[in-house]
Amino acid sequence: MTDRTIIILGFAALALLILAAVVASHLRRDRLATISETVAHLTRTRSAKIIAVLIWAWLGWHFLAR
């Protein structure tokens, strides 16, 4: 198995875990916050929003630019 295959499988597993978390949060709204509620809570302040944009830009530059 090549390194590329392992990385793709890792991202696929991560995507499945995120999907499972989203489904669980919608099924158990009384106990779990949704993804949008969590992001809204984390980015309440201006500095947190700037940090979120910088992290998003860094991820995009390093993983999507080729």
N, C-alpha and C. Protein backbone atom coordinates (compact mmCIF):
# COMPACT_ATOMS: atom_id res chain seq x y z
N MET A 1 0.85 -1.17 0.00
CA MET A 1 0.00 0.00 0.00
C MET A 1 0.90 1.24 0.00
N THR A 2 0.64 2.17 -0.90
CA THR A 2 1.47 3.36 -1.01
C THR A 2 1.06 4.41 0.02
N ASP A 3 1.94 5.38 0.21
CA ASP A 3 1.65 6.48 1.14
C ASP A 3 0.40 7.24 0.69
N ARG A 4 0.26 7.43 -0.61
CA ARG A 4 -0.89 8.16 -1.15
C ARG A 4 -2.20 7.45 -0.80
N THR A 5 -2.21 6.15 -0.91
CA THR A 5 -3.41 5.36 -0.60
C THR A 5 -3.76 5.47 0.88
N ILE A 6 -2.75 5.42 1.72
CA ILE A 6 -2.98 5.55 3.16
C ILE A 6 -3.56 6.92 3.50
N ILE A 7 -3.03 7.96 2.88
CA ILE A 7 -3.52 9.31 3.14
C ILE A 7 -4.97 9.46 2.66
N ILE A 8 -5.27 8.92 1.49
CA ILE A 8 -6.65 9.00 0.97
C ILE A 8 -7.60 8.23 1.88
N LEU A 9 -7.20 7.06 2.35
CA LEU A 9 -8.03 6.30 3.27
C LEU A 9 -8.22 7.04 4.60
N GLY A 10 -7.18 7.72 5.05
CA GLY A 10 -7.29 8.51 6.28
C GLY A 10 -8.28 9.65 6.14
N PHE A 11 -8.23 10.35 5.00
CA PHE A 11 -9.20 11.43 4.77
C PHE A 11 -10.61 10.89 4.61
N ALA A 12 -10.75 9.73 3.98
CA ALA A 12 -12.08 9.11 3.85
C ALA A 12 -12.63 8.72 5.22
N ALA A 13 -11.78 8.17 6.08
CA ALA A 13 -12.21 7.82 7.44
C ALA A 13 -12.59 9.08 8.21
N LEU A 14 -11.82 10.15 8.05
CA LEU A 14 -12.15 11.41 8.73
C LEU A 14 -13.48 11.96 8.24
N ALA A 15 -13.73 11.88 6.94
CA ALA A 15 -15.00 12.34 6.38
C ALA A 15 -16.17 11.52 6.93
N LEU A 16 -15.99 10.21 7.06
CA LEU A 16 -17.04 9.37 7.62
C LEU A 16 -17.31 9.70 9.09
N LEU A 17 -16.26 9.98 9.85
CA LEU A 17 -16.43 10.36 11.24
C LEU A 17 -17.17 11.69 11.37
N ILE A 18 -16.84 12.63 10.51
CA ILE A 18 -17.54 13.92 10.54
C ILE A 18 -19.00 13.74 10.17
N LEU A 19 -19.27 12.93 9.16
CA LEU A 19 -20.65 12.65 8.76
C LEU A 19 -21.42 11.99 9.90
N ALA A 20 -20.81 11.05 10.59
CA ALA A 20 -21.45 10.40 11.73
C ALA A 20 -21.72 11.40 12.85
N ALA A 21 -20.80 12.34 13.08
CA ALA A 21 -21.02 13.36 14.10
C ALA A 21 -22.17 14.28 13.74
N VAL A 22 -22.26 14.63 12.46
CA VAL A 22 -23.36 15.49 12.01
C VAL A 22 -24.70 14.78 12.18
N VAL A 23 -24.76 13.53 11.78
CA VAL A 23 -26.01 12.76 11.92
C VAL A 23 -26.37 12.61 13.39
N ALA A 24 -25.40 12.29 14.22
CA ALA A 24 -25.67 12.13 15.66
C ALA A 24 -26.14 13.44 16.28
N SER A 25 -25.56 14.56 15.85
CA SER A 25 -25.97 15.84 16.43
C SER A 25 -27.39 16.23 16.02
N HIS A 26 -27.81 15.79 14.85
CA HIS A 26 -29.19 16.09 14.43
C HIS A 26 -30.19 15.13 15.06
N LEU A 27 -29.76 13.93 15.37
CA LEU A 27 -30.67 12.98 16.01
C LEU A 27 -30.82 13.26 17.50
N ARG A 28 -29.77 13.78 18.13
CA ARG A 28 -29.79 14.05 19.57
C ARG A 28 -29.61 15.54 19.84
N ARG A 29 -30.49 16.36 19.30
CA ARG A 29 -30.36 17.82 19.46
C ARG A 29 -30.42 18.25 20.91
N ASP A 30 -31.05 17.46 21.77
CA ASP A 30 -31.14 17.83 23.18
C ASP A 30 -29.81 17.67 23.91
N ARG A 31 -28.91 16.84 23.42
CA ARG A 31 -27.65 16.59 24.11
C ARG A 31 -26.41 17.04 23.35
N LEU A 32 -26.49 17.14 22.02
CA LEU A 32 -25.33 17.47 21.20
C LEU A 32 -25.58 18.73 20.39
N ALA A 33 -24.57 19.58 20.30
CA ALA A 33 -24.67 20.78 19.46
C ALA A 33 -24.37 20.41 18.02
N THR A 34 -25.03 21.11 17.09
CA THR A 34 -24.75 20.87 15.68
C THR A 34 -23.42 21.52 15.32
N ILE A 35 -22.90 21.18 14.14
CA ILE A 35 -21.63 21.74 13.69
C ILE A 35 -21.74 23.26 13.57
N SER A 36 -22.84 23.75 13.00
CA SER A 36 -22.99 25.19 12.83
C SER A 36 -23.09 25.92 14.17
N GLU A 37 -23.74 25.32 15.15
CA GLU A 37 -23.81 25.92 16.49
C GLU A 37 -22.42 25.96 17.14
N THR A 38 -21.65 24.91 16.95
CA THR A 38 -20.31 24.85 17.52
C THR A 38 -19.40 25.90 16.88
N VAL A 39 -19.44 26.00 15.56
CA VAL A 39 -18.61 27.00 14.87
C VAL A 39 -19.05 28.41 15.27
N ALA A 40 -20.34 28.65 15.37
CA ALA A 40 -20.83 29.97 15.79
C ALA A 40 -20.35 30.31 17.19
N HIS A 41 -20.35 29.33 18.07
CA HIS A 41 -19.87 29.56 19.44
C HIS A 41 -18.37 29.84 19.47
N LEU A 42 -17.61 29.13 18.65
CA LEU A 42 -16.16 29.30 18.64
C LEU A 42 -15.73 30.61 17.99
N THR A 43 -16.52 31.13 17.09
CA THR A 43 -16.14 32.36 16.37
C THR A 43 -16.99 33.55 16.81
N ARG A 44 -17.25 33.67 18.08
CA ARG A 44 -18.03 34.80 18.59
C ARG A 44 -17.26 36.10 18.53
N THR A 45 -15.97 36.05 18.77
CA THR A 45 -15.18 37.28 18.83
C THR A 45 -14.50 37.54 17.49
N ARG A 46 -14.11 38.79 17.27
CA ARG A 46 -13.45 39.18 16.03
C ARG A 46 -12.10 38.47 15.88
N SER A 47 -11.35 38.37 16.96
CA SER A 47 -10.04 37.72 16.89
C SER A 47 -10.18 36.23 16.54
N ALA A 48 -11.21 35.57 17.06
CA ALA A 48 -11.43 34.16 16.73
C ALA A 48 -11.80 34.00 15.26
N LYS A 49 -12.54 34.94 14.71
CA LYS A 49 -12.90 34.89 13.29
C LYS A 49 -11.66 35.06 12.42
N ILE A 50 -10.77 35.98 12.80
CA ILE A 50 -9.53 36.18 12.04
C ILE A 50 -8.66 34.93 12.10
N ILE A 51 -8.55 34.32 13.26
CA ILE A 51 -7.77 33.09 13.41
C ILE A 51 -8.38 31.98 12.56
N ALA A 52 -9.71 31.87 12.54
CA ALA A 52 -10.37 30.84 11.73
C ALA A 52 -10.09 31.04 10.24
N VAL A 53 -10.10 32.28 9.77
CA VAL A 53 -9.80 32.56 8.36
C VAL A 53 -8.35 32.23 8.05
N LEU A 54 -7.43 32.56 8.94
CA LEU A 54 -6.03 32.25 8.72
C LEU A 54 -5.78 30.74 8.69
N ILE A 55 -6.43 30.01 9.57
CA ILE A 55 -6.29 28.55 9.56
C ILE A 55 -6.86 27.97 8.27
N TRP A 56 -8.03 28.47 7.85
CA TRP A 56 -8.64 28.00 6.61
C TRP A 56 -7.73 28.28 5.41
N ALA A 57 -7.13 29.48 5.38
CA ALA A 57 -6.23 29.83 4.28
C ALA A 57 -4.99 28.94 4.29
N TRP A 58 -4.44 28.68 5.47
CA TRP A 58 -3.26 27.83 5.57
C TRP A 58 -3.57 26.41 5.08
N LEU A 59 -4.71 25.87 5.50
CA LEU A 59 -5.10 24.53 5.05
C LEU A 59 -5.29 24.49 3.54
N GLY A 60 -5.95 25.50 3.00
CA GLY A 60 -6.16 25.55 1.57
C GLY A 60 -4.85 25.65 0.80
N TRP A 61 -3.96 26.46 1.29
CA TRP A 61 -2.68 26.63 0.61
C TRP A 61 -1.86 25.35 0.64
N HIS A 62 -1.83 24.67 1.78
CA HIS A 62 -0.97 23.51 1.92
C HIS A 62 -1.56 22.21 1.37
N PHE A 63 -2.87 22.09 1.36
CA PHE A 63 -3.46 20.83 0.93
C PHE A 63 -4.16 20.87 -0.41
N LEU A 64 -4.57 22.04 -0.86
CA LEU A 64 -5.32 22.12 -2.10
C LEU A 64 -4.56 22.75 -3.25
N ALA A 65 -3.52 23.53 -2.96
CA ALA A 65 -2.76 24.19 -4.02
C ALA A 65 -1.74 23.22 -4.61
N ARG A 66 -1.80 23.02 -5.87
CA ARG A 66 -0.81 22.15 -6.55
C ARG A 66 -0.57 22.65 -7.92
